[in-house]
Amino acid sequence: MPRPWVMAHVERVAAEALDLSDYWEYRRLLELAELLDAGLVQRLVPLGLSSSDPDVREAAEDYNPKRAEPGAAADGPRL
């Protein structure tokens, strides 16, 4: 698929097709977002940070650019 098309549709399709309150689905979306665009990751992180599920919040914290490098483990080294 052409990258511009994917970028234009990925957030809407993810919101419609995925259960973003599910840890596994949310983390997979963050992994995909990391491959596509740092701005996309930044837009998705707040969704997880506001979750009532501690595992979803942890995934969001792992990808929060204000806390660590994207994709870095929560217990990994901080830069």
PDB file of N, CA and C in Angstrom:
ATOM      1  N   MET A   1       0.839  -1.180   0.000  1.00  0.00           N
ATOM      2  CA  MET A   1       0.000   0.000   0.000  1.00  0.00           C
ATOM      3  C   MET A   1       0.885   1.244   0.000  1.00  0.00           C
ATOM      4  N   PRO A   2       0.463   2.269  -0.664  1.00  0.00           N
ATOM      5  CA  PRO A   2       1.249   3.502  -0.667  1.00  0.00           C
ATOM      6  C   PRO A   2       1.282   4.137   0.730  1.00  0.00           C
ATOM      7  N   ARG A   3       2.463   4.546   1.127  1.00  0.00           N
ATOM      8  CA  ARG A   3       2.655   5.125   2.461  1.00  0.00           C
ATOM      9  C   ARG A   3       1.699   6.294   2.736  1.00  0.00           C
ATOM     10  N   PRO A   4       1.523   7.243   1.806  1.00  0.00           N
ATOM     11  CA  PRO A   4       0.600   8.348   2.090  1.00  0.00           C
ATOM     12  C   PRO A   4      -0.822   7.869   2.391  1.00  0.00           C
ATOM     13  N   TRP A   5      -1.269   6.840   1.702  1.00  0.00           N
ATOM     14  CA  TRP A   5      -2.602   6.305   1.961  1.00  0.00           C
ATOM     15  C   TRP A   5      -2.667   5.686   3.358  1.00  0.00           C
ATOM     16  N   VAL A   6      -1.659   4.907   3.697  1.00  0.00           N
ATOM     17  CA  VAL A   6      -1.616   4.276   5.022  1.00  0.00           C
ATOM     18  C   VAL A   6      -1.639   5.340   6.113  1.00  0.00           C
ATOM     19  N   MET A   7      -0.809   6.360   5.965  1.00  0.00           N
ATOM     20  CA  MET A   7      -0.743   7.414   6.986  1.00  0.00           C
ATOM     21  C   MET A   7      -2.070   8.166   7.108  1.00  0.00           C
ATOM     22  N   ALA A   8      -2.771   8.320   6.008  1.00  0.00           N
ATOM     23  CA  ALA A   8      -4.044   9.042   6.026  1.00  0.00           C
ATOM     24  C   ALA A   8      -5.168   8.233   6.673  1.00  0.00           C
ATOM     25  N   HIS A   9      -5.017   6.907   6.728  1.00  0.00           N
ATOM     26  CA  HIS A   9      -6.110   6.056   7.190  1.00  0.00           C
ATOM     27  C   HIS A   9      -5.824   5.237   8.445  1.00  0.00           C
ATOM     28  N   VAL A  10      -4.589   5.091   8.850  1.00  0.00           N
ATOM     29  CA  VAL A  10      -4.237   4.136   9.902  1.00  0.00           C
ATOM     30  C   VAL A  10      -4.933   4.437  11.236  1.00  0.00           C
ATOM     31  N   GLU A  11      -5.017   5.681  11.642  1.00  0.00           N
ATOM     32  CA  GLU A  11      -5.639   5.979  12.941  1.00  0.00           C
ATOM     33  C   GLU A  11      -7.131   5.657  12.936  1.00  0.00           C
ATOM     34  N   ARG A  12      -7.820   6.049  11.882  1.00  0.00           N
ATOM     35  CA  ARG A  12      -9.258   5.784  11.805  1.00  0.00           C
ATOM     36  C   ARG A  12      -9.537   4.290  11.753  1.00  0.00           C
ATOM     37  N   VAL A  13      -8.798   3.577  10.923  1.00  0.00           N
ATOM     38  CA  VAL A  13      -9.015   2.137  10.787  1.00  0.00           C
ATOM     39  C   VAL A  13      -8.681   1.428  12.104  1.00  0.00           C
ATOM     40  N   ALA A  14      -7.611   1.826  12.753  1.00  0.00           N
ATOM     41  CA  ALA A  14      -7.252   1.215  14.032  1.00  0.00           C
ATOM     42  C   ALA A  14      -8.344   1.443  15.063  1.00  0.00           C
ATOM     43  N   ALA A  15      -8.870   2.657  15.127  1.00  0.00           N
ATOM     44  CA  ALA A  15      -9.922   2.972  16.100  1.00  0.00           C
ATOM     45  C   ALA A  15     -11.189   2.159  15.832  1.00  0.00           C
ATOM     46  N   GLU A  16     -11.473   1.902  14.563  1.00  0.00           N
ATOM     47  CA  GLU A  16     -12.671   1.146  14.196  1.00  0.00           C
ATOM     48  C   GLU A  16     -12.487  -0.360  14.345  1.00  0.00           C
ATOM     49  N   ALA A  17     -11.296  -0.858  14.061  1.00  0.00           N
ATOM     50  CA  ALA A  17     -11.079  -2.302  13.960  1.00  0.00           C
ATOM     51  C   ALA A  17     -10.445  -2.936  15.195  1.00  0.00           C
ATOM     52  N   LEU A  18      -9.752  -2.149  16.000  1.00  0.00           N
ATOM     53  CA  LEU A  18      -9.031  -2.699  17.145  1.00  0.00           C
ATOM     54  C   LEU A  18      -9.713  -2.338  18.454  1.00  0.00           C
ATOM     55  N   ASP A  19      -9.451  -3.153  19.452  1.00  0.00           N
ATOM     56  CA  ASP A  19      -9.881  -2.841  20.818  1.00  0.00           C
ATOM     57  C   ASP A  19      -8.669  -2.209  21.500  1.00  0.00           C
ATOM     58  N   LEU A  20      -8.618  -0.886  21.493  1.00  0.00           N
ATOM     59  CA  LEU A  20      -7.435  -0.201  22.020  1.00  0.00           C
ATOM     60  C   LEU A  20      -7.371  -0.224  23.538  1.00  0.00           C
ATOM     61  N   SER A  21      -8.374  -0.802  24.190  1.00  0.00           N
ATOM     62  CA  SER A  21      -8.288  -1.017  25.632  1.00  0.00           C
ATOM     63  C   SER A  21      -7.658  -2.376  25.937  1.00  0.00           C
ATOM     64  N   ASP A  22      -7.378  -3.151  24.893  1.00  0.00           N
ATOM     65  CA  ASP A  22      -6.728  -4.448  25.032  1.00  0.00           C
ATOM     66  C   ASP A  22      -5.214  -4.259  24.920  1.00  0.00           C
ATOM     67  N   TYR A  23      -4.492  -4.706  25.929  1.00  0.00           N
ATOM     68  CA  TYR A  23      -3.037  -4.524  25.974  1.00  0.00           C
ATOM     69  C   TYR A  23      -2.357  -5.016  24.700  1.00  0.00           C
ATOM     70  N   TRP A  24      -2.657  -6.255  24.300  1.00  0.00           N
ATOM     71  CA  TRP A  24      -1.962  -6.853  23.167  1.00  0.00           C
ATOM     72  C   TRP A  24      -2.215  -6.047  21.900  1.00  0.00           C
ATOM     73  N   GLU A  25      -3.455  -5.677  21.632  1.00  0.00           N
ATOM     74  CA  GLU A  25      -3.776  -4.933  20.411  1.00  0.00           C
ATOM     75  C   GLU A  25      -3.174  -3.531  20.443  1.00  0.00           C
ATOM     76  N   TYR A  26      -3.234  -2.878  21.593  1.00  0.00           N
ATOM     77  CA  TYR A  26      -2.679  -1.531  21.702  1.00  0.00           C
ATOM     78  C   TYR A  26      -1.156  -1.548  21.496  1.00  0.00           C
ATOM     79  N   ARG A  27      -0.472  -2.500  22.127  1.00  0.00           N
ATOM     80  CA  ARG A  27       0.987  -2.564  21.965  1.00  0.00           C
ATOM     81  C   ARG A  27       1.370  -2.870  20.526  1.00  0.00           C
ATOM     82  N   ARG A  28       0.648  -3.774  19.845  1.00  0.00           N
ATOM     83  CA  ARG A  28       0.952  -4.065  18.442  1.00  0.00           C
ATOM     84  C   ARG A  28       0.766  -2.812  17.591  1.00  0.00           C
ATOM     85  N   LEU A  29      -0.259  -2.016  17.898  1.00  0.00           N
ATOM     86  CA  LEU A  29      -0.465  -0.772  17.156  1.00  0.00           C
ATOM     87  C   LEU A  29       0.704   0.182  17.382  1.00  0.00           C
ATOM     88  N   LEU A  30       1.182   0.284  18.612  1.00  0.00           N
ATOM     89  CA  LEU A  30       2.344   1.140  18.877  1.00  0.00           C
ATOM     90  C   LEU A  30       3.577   0.645  18.129  1.00  0.00           C
ATOM     91  N   GLU A  31       3.759  -0.663  18.051  1.00  0.00           N
ATOM     92  CA  GLU A  31       4.898  -1.221  17.314  1.00  0.00           C
ATOM     93  C   GLU A  31       4.811  -0.846  15.835  1.00  0.00           C
ATOM     94  N   LEU A  32       3.628  -0.959  15.263  1.00  0.00           N
ATOM     95  CA  LEU A  32       3.431  -0.563  13.873  1.00  0.00           C
ATOM     96  C   LEU A  32       3.670   0.938  13.704  1.00  0.00           C
ATOM     97  N   ALA A  33       3.119   1.728  14.612  1.00  0.00           N
ATOM     98  CA  ALA A  33       3.273   3.187  14.537  1.00  0.00           C
ATOM     99  C   ALA A  33       4.745   3.576  14.590  1.00  0.00           C
ATOM    100  N   GLU A  34       5.520   2.881  15.416  1.00  0.00           N
ATOM    101  CA  GLU A  34       6.947   3.178  15.523  1.00  0.00           C
ATOM    102  C   GLU A  34       7.649   2.977  14.186  1.00  0.00           C
ATOM    103  N   LEU A  35       7.209   1.998  13.423  1.00  0.00           N
ATOM    104  CA  LEU A  35       7.800   1.750  12.104  1.00  0.00           C
ATOM    105  C   LEU A  35       7.363   2.791  11.080  1.00  0.00           C
ATOM    106  N   LEU A  36       6.179   3.370  11.279  1.00  0.00           N
ATOM    107  CA  LEU A  36       5.627   4.294  10.302  1.00  0.00           C
ATOM    108  C   LEU A  36       6.034   5.740  10.518  1.00  0.00           C
ATOM    109  N   ASP A  37       5.876   6.240  11.761  1.00  0.00           N
ATOM    110  CA  ASP A  37       6.032   7.676  11.943  1.00  0.00           C
ATOM    111  C   ASP A  37       6.057   8.026  13.432  1.00  0.00           C
ATOM    112  N   ALA A  38       7.053   8.791  13.851  1.00  0.00           N
ATOM    113  CA  ALA A  38       7.164   9.195  15.256  1.00  0.00           C
ATOM    114  C   ALA A  38       5.974  10.048  15.687  1.00  0.00           C
ATOM    115  N   GLY A  39       5.443  10.852  14.793  1.00  0.00           N
ATOM    116  CA  GLY A  39       4.283  11.670  15.115  1.00  0.00           C
ATOM    117  C   GLY A  39       3.056  10.827  15.406  1.00  0.00           C
ATOM    118  N   LEU A  40       2.926   9.722  14.701  1.00  0.00           N
ATOM    119  CA  LEU A  40       1.819   8.800  14.944  1.00  0.00           C
ATOM    120  C   LEU A  40       1.942   8.203  16.342  1.00  0.00           C
ATOM    121  N   VAL A  41       3.127   7.812  16.725  1.00  0.00           N
ATOM    122  CA  VAL A  41       3.349   7.288  18.079  1.00  0.00           C
ATOM    123  C   VAL A  41       2.938   8.333  19.105  1.00  0.00           C
ATOM    124  N   GLN A  42       3.357   9.565  18.901  1.00  0.00           N
ATOM    125  CA  GLN A  42       3.026  10.639  19.845  1.00  0.00           C
ATOM    126  C   GLN A  42       1.522  10.862  19.952  1.00  0.00           C
ATOM    127  N   ARG A  43       0.787  10.644  18.876  1.00  0.00           N
ATOM    128  CA  ARG A  43      -0.672  10.799  18.916  1.00  0.00           C
ATOM    129  C   ARG A  43      -1.354   9.621  19.595  1.00  0.00           C
ATOM    130  N   LEU A  44      -0.738   8.434  19.549  1.00  0.00           N
ATOM    131  CA  LEU A  44      -1.342   7.243  20.135  1.00  0.00           C
ATOM    132  C   LEU A  44      -1.013   7.070  21.613  1.00  0.00           C
ATOM    133  N   VAL A  45       0.116   7.565  22.058  1.00  0.00           N
ATOM    134  CA  VAL A  45       0.530   7.398  23.455  1.00  0.00           C
ATOM    135  C   VAL A  45      -0.504   7.936  24.441  1.00  0.00           C
ATOM    136  N   PRO A  46      -1.065   9.129  24.246  1.00  0.00           N
ATOM    137  CA  PRO A  46      -2.043   9.632  25.224  1.00  0.00           C
ATOM    138  C   PRO A  46      -3.262   8.728  25.406  1.00  0.00           C
ATOM    139  N   LEU A  47      -3.648   8.005  24.364  1.00  0.00           N
ATOM    140  CA  LEU A  47      -4.763   7.066  24.504  1.00  0.00           C
ATOM    141  C   LEU A  47      -4.457   6.013  25.561  1.00  0.00           C
ATOM    142  N   GLY A  48      -3.251   5.496  25.521  1.00  0.00           N
ATOM    143  CA  GLY A  48      -2.860   4.477  26.487  1.00  0.00           C
ATOM    144  C   GLY A  48      -2.613   5.029  27.876  1.00  0.00           C
ATOM    145  N   LEU A  49      -2.064   6.234  27.946  1.00  0.00           N
ATOM    146  CA  LEU A  49      -1.785   6.827  29.253  1.00  0.00           C
ATOM    147  C   LEU A  49      -3.066   7.082  30.040  1.00  0.00           C
ATOM    148  N   SER A  50      -4.170   7.284  29.339  1.00  0.00           N
ATOM    149  CA  SER A  50      -5.441   7.547  30.016  1.00  0.00           C
ATOM    150  C   SER A  50      -6.255   6.273  30.257  1.00  0.00           C
ATOM    151  N   SER A  51      -5.708   5.118  29.912  1.00  0.00           N
ATOM    152  CA  SER A  51      -6.420   3.853  30.074  1.00  0.00           C
ATOM    153  C   SER A  51      -6.549   3.464  31.547  1.00  0.00           C
ATOM    154  N   SER A  52      -7.620   2.756  31.852  1.00  0.00           N
ATOM    155  CA  SER A  52      -7.788   2.222  33.213  1.00  0.00           C
ATOM    156  C   SER A  52      -7.011   0.920  33.399  1.00  0.00           C
ATOM    157  N   ASP A  53      -6.516   0.340  32.305  1.00  0.00           N
ATOM    158  CA  ASP A  53      -5.758  -0.914  32.361  1.00  0.00           C
ATOM    159  C   ASP A  53      -4.279  -0.595  32.597  1.00  0.00           C
ATOM    160  N   PRO A  54      -3.710  -1.086  33.693  1.00  0.00           N
ATOM    161  CA  PRO A  54      -2.301  -0.782  33.973  1.00  0.00           C
ATOM    162  C   PRO A  54      -1.341  -1.312  32.912  1.00  0.00           C
ATOM    163  N   ASP A  55      -1.684  -2.403  32.254  1.00  0.00           N
ATOM    164  CA  ASP A  55      -0.811  -2.935  31.204  1.00  0.00           C
ATOM    165  C   ASP A  55      -0.814  -2.020  29.979  1.00  0.00           C
ATOM    166  N   VAL A  56      -1.963  -1.477  29.636  1.00  0.00           N
ATOM    167  CA  VAL A  56      -2.045  -0.539  28.510  1.00  0.00           C
ATOM    168  C   VAL A  56      -1.259   0.728  28.856  1.00  0.00           C
ATOM    169  N   ARG A  57      -1.397   1.210  30.094  1.00  0.00           N
ATOM    170  CA  ARG A  57      -0.628   2.394  30.511  1.00  0.00           C
ATOM    171  C   ARG A  57       0.870   2.116  30.439  1.00  0.00           C
ATOM    172  N   GLU A  58       1.270   0.929  30.841  1.00  0.00           N
ATOM    173  CA  GLU A  58       2.689   0.576  30.778  1.00  0.00           C
ATOM    174  C   GLU A  58       3.196   0.586  29.338  1.00  0.00           C
ATOM    175  N   ALA A  59       2.401   0.046  28.419  1.00  0.00           N
ATOM    176  CA  ALA A  59       2.794   0.068  27.003  1.00  0.00           C
ATOM    177  C   ALA A  59       2.949   1.502  26.524  1.00  0.00           C
ATOM    178  N   ALA A  60       2.005   2.362  26.884  1.00  0.00           N
ATOM    179  CA  ALA A  60       2.088   3.771  26.489  1.00  0.00           C
ATOM    180  C   ALA A  60       3.326   4.427  27.084  1.00  0.00           C
ATOM    181  N   GLU A  61       3.632   4.114  28.330  1.00  0.00           N
ATOM    182  CA  GLU A  61       4.824   4.678  28.972  1.00  0.00           C
ATOM    183  C   GLU A  61       6.094   4.210  28.275  1.00  0.00           C
ATOM    184  N   ASP A  62       6.094   2.960  27.815  1.00  0.00           N
ATOM    185  CA  ASP A  62       7.263   2.439  27.093  1.00  0.00           C
ATOM    186  C   ASP A  62       7.535   3.226  25.809  1.00  0.00           C
ATOM    187  N   TYR A  63       6.491   3.751  25.200  1.00  0.00           N
ATOM    188  CA  TYR A  63       6.620   4.483  23.943  1.00  0.00           C
ATOM    189  C   TYR A  63       6.526   5.991  24.118  1.00  0.00           C
ATOM    190  N   ASN A  64       6.392   6.449  25.346  1.00  0.00           N
ATOM    191  CA  ASN A  64       6.266   7.878  25.608  1.00  0.00           C
ATOM    192  C   ASN A  64       7.614   8.553  25.375  1.00  0.00           C
ATOM    193  N   PRO A  65       7.725   9.411  24.356  1.00  0.00           N
ATOM    194  CA  PRO A  65       9.024  10.026  24.057  1.00  0.00           C
ATOM    195  C   PRO A  65       9.511  10.950  25.169  1.00  0.00           C
ATOM    196  N   LYS A  66       8.644  11.326  26.079  1.00  0.00           N
ATOM    197  CA  LYS A  66       9.055  12.175  27.197  1.00  0.00           C
ATOM    198  C   LYS A  66       9.750  11.378  28.288  1.00  0.00           C
ATOM    199  N   ARG A  67       9.604  10.037  28.263  1.00  0.00           N
ATOM    200  CA  ARG A  67      10.195   9.194  29.301  1.00  0.00           C
ATOM    201  C   ARG A  67      11.372   8.372  28.812  1.00  0.00           C
ATOM    202  N   ALA A  68      11.316   7.908  27.550  1.00  0.00           N
ATOM    203  CA  ALA A  68      12.368   7.004  27.066  1.00  0.00           C
ATOM    204  C   ALA A  68      12.364   6.999  25.550  1.00  0.00           C
ATOM    205  N   GLU A  69      13.327   6.332  24.999  1.00  0.00           N
ATOM    206  CA  GLU A  69      13.357   6.132  23.563  1.00  0.00           C
ATOM    207  C   GLU A  69      12.164   5.268  23.175  1.00  0.00           C
ATOM    208  N   PRO A  70      11.515   5.515  22.018  1.00  0.00           N
ATOM    209  CA  PRO A  70      10.387   4.686  21.595  1.00  0.00           C
ATOM    210  C   PRO A  70      10.776   3.219  21.533  1.00  0.00           C
ATOM    211  N   GLY A  71       9.913   2.384  22.083  1.00  0.00           N
ATOM    212  CA  GLY A  71      10.154   0.943  22.065  1.00  0.00           C
ATOM    213  C   GLY A  71      11.069   0.447  23.147  1.00  0.00           C
ATOM    214  N   ALA A  72      11.638   1.355  23.961  1.00  0.00           N
ATOM    215  CA  ALA A  72      12.525   0.914  25.030  1.00  0.00           C
ATOM    216  C   ALA A  72      11.711   0.291  26.142  1.00  0.00           C
ATOM    217  N   ALA A  73      12.239  -0.748  26.734  1.00  0.00           N
ATOM    218  CA  ALA A  73      11.546  -1.403  27.838  1.00  0.00           C
ATOM    219  C   ALA A  73      11.476  -0.466  29.035  1.00  0.00           C
ATOM    220  N   ALA A  74      10.419  -0.616  29.816  1.00  0.00           N
ATOM    221  CA  ALA A  74      10.220   0.258  30.971  1.00  0.00           C
ATOM    222  C   ALA A  74      11.368   0.146  31.955  1.00  0.00           C
ATOM    223  N   ASP A  75      11.998  -1.037  32.045  1.00  0.00           N
ATOM    224  CA  ASP A  75      13.087  -1.200  32.994  1.00  0.00           C
ATOM    225  C   ASP A  75      14.448  -1.046  32.306  1.00  0.00           C
ATOM    226  N   GLY A  76      14.432  -0.642  31.049  1.00  0.00           N
ATOM    227  CA  GLY A  76      15.674  -0.461  30.303  1.00  0.00           C
ATOM    228  C   GLY A  76      16.350   0.854  30.632  1.00  0.00           C
ATOM    229  N   PRO A  77      17.504   1.079  30.072  1.00  0.00           N
ATOM    230  CA  PRO A  77      18.253   2.312  30.356  1.00  0.00           C
ATOM    231  C   PRO A  77      17.549   3.544  29.814  1.00  0.00           C
ATOM    232  N   ARG A  78      17.624   4.609  30.540  1.00  0.00           N
ATOM    233  CA  ARG A  78      17.051   5.896  30.124  1.00  0.00           C
ATOM    234  C   ARG A  78      18.154   6.739  29.511  1.00  0.00           C
ATOM    235  N   LEU A  79      17.821   7.480  28.479  1.00  0.00           N
ATOM    236  CA  LEU A  79      18.810   8.353  27.833  1.00  0.00           C
ATOM    237  C   LEU A  79      18.581   9.789  28.216  1.00  0.00           C
TER     238      LEU A  79
END
